[in-house]
Protein backbone atom coordinates (compact mmCIF):
# COMPACT_ATOMS: atom_id res chain seq x y z
CA UNK A 1 77.90 112.90 118.79
CA UNK A 2 76.43 113.41 115.33
CA UNK A 3 77.19 117.12 115.41
CA UNK A 4 80.87 116.47 116.15
CA UNK A 5 81.18 114.02 113.28
CA UNK A 6 79.31 116.34 110.96
CA UNK A 7 81.52 119.26 111.97
CA UNK A 8 84.71 117.22 111.37
CA UNK A 9 83.33 116.16 108.00
CA UNK A 10 82.66 119.78 107.04
CA UNK A 11 86.12 120.81 108.24
CA UNK A 12 87.67 118.04 106.14
CA UNK A 13 85.72 119.18 103.09
CA UNK A 14 86.90 122.76 103.60
CA UNK A 15 90.50 121.59 103.78
CA UNK A 16 90.22 119.47 100.63
CA UNK A 17 88.48 122.07 98.42
CA UNK A 18 91.61 124.18 97.80
CA UNK A 19 93.58 121.05 96.89
CA UNK A 20 90.99 119.98 94.31
CA UNK A 21 90.74 123.51 92.93
CA UNK A 22 94.53 123.70 92.66
CA UNK A 23 94.70 120.42 90.76
CA UNK A 24 91.91 121.51 88.41
CA UNK A 25 93.37 124.89 87.62
CA UNK A 26 97.10 124.24 87.60
CA UNK A 27 97.56 121.75 84.80
CA UNK A 28 101.11 122.92 84.11
CA UNK A 29 102.46 121.69 87.45
CA UNK A 30 99.89 118.96 88.03
CA UNK A 31 102.38 116.09 88.04
CA UNK A 32 104.65 117.86 90.55
CA UNK A 33 101.66 118.82 92.71
CA UNK A 34 100.43 115.23 92.88
CA UNK A 35 103.93 114.04 93.70
CA UNK A 36 104.20 116.57 96.55
CA UNK A 37 100.77 115.62 97.93
CA UNK A 38 101.83 111.97 97.84
CA UNK A 39 105.07 112.88 99.61
CA UNK A 40 103.10 114.55 102.40
CA UNK A 41 100.90 111.48 102.72
CA UNK A 42 104.02 109.31 102.89
CA UNK A 43 104.96 111.10 106.12
CA UNK A 44 102.33 109.03 107.92
CA UNK A 45 104.12 105.82 106.95
CA UNK A 46 107.55 106.77 108.27
CA UNK A 47 108.01 105.52 111.82
CA UNK A 48 111.25 107.27 112.80
CA UNK A 49 110.65 110.85 114.00
CA UNK A 50 113.97 112.19 112.76
CA UNK A 51 113.45 110.62 109.32
CA UNK A 52 109.94 112.06 109.27
CA UNK A 53 111.19 115.57 110.07
CA UNK A 54 113.97 115.34 107.48
CA UNK A 55 111.52 114.11 104.85
CA UNK A 56 109.15 116.98 105.71
CA UNK A 57 111.99 119.49 105.18
CA UNK A 58 112.79 117.87 101.82
CA UNK A 59 109.15 118.25 100.75
CA UNK A 60 109.17 121.93 101.72
CA UNK A 61 112.40 122.43 99.75
CA UNK A 62 110.82 120.63 96.77
CA UNK A 63 107.82 122.98 96.91
CA UNK A 64 110.07 126.05 97.05
CA UNK A 65 112.16 124.92 94.09
CA UNK A 66 109.43 123.34 91.94
CA UNK A 67 106.32 125.49 92.31
CA UNK A 68 106.33 129.05 91.02
CA UNK A 69 102.69 130.11 91.39
CA UNK A 70 102.11 131.71 94.80
CA UNK A 71 98.57 130.40 95.35
CA UNK A 72 99.64 126.84 94.56
CA UNK A 73 102.66 127.18 96.82
CA UNK A 74 100.46 128.46 99.67
CA UNK A 75 97.91 125.69 99.19
CA UNK A 76 100.58 122.99 99.28
CA UNK A 77 102.23 124.54 102.34
CA UNK A 78 98.84 124.66 104.09
CA UNK A 79 98.18 121.02 103.23
CA UNK A 80 101.59 120.04 104.52
CA UNK A 81 100.99 121.95 107.73
CA UNK A 82 97.69 120.12 108.25
CA UNK A 83 99.45 116.78 107.83
CA UNK A 84 102.37 117.82 110.05
CA UNK A 85 100.12 119.17 112.81
CA UNK A 86 97.94 116.07 112.72
CA UNK A 87 100.98 113.82 113.06
CA UNK A 88 102.29 116.03 115.85
CA UNK A 89 98.95 115.84 117.69
CA UNK A 90 99.13 112.05 117.40
CA UNK A 91 102.62 112.11 118.88
CA UNK A 92 104.20 110.90 115.65
CA UNK A 93 106.52 113.91 115.20
């Protein structure tokens, strides 16, 4: 049991590192980045599947129109995919 928890903890840390690095290094778009991360987290609070999917699409559009740096764009898309896949695994999308 401990190994499974430890492995999940390590996986979580690996997924968070790029987000923290992105926030540290990209001060120009920091406000927009935080807003997008919060939008992704908001997905978990929406109960209607269709609303959730529409909101997800709006977040992706926001990333594509707001963020110009490729690495930041990729990191945000990866974070969004983690959130989306987790919600899908839980049967929420």
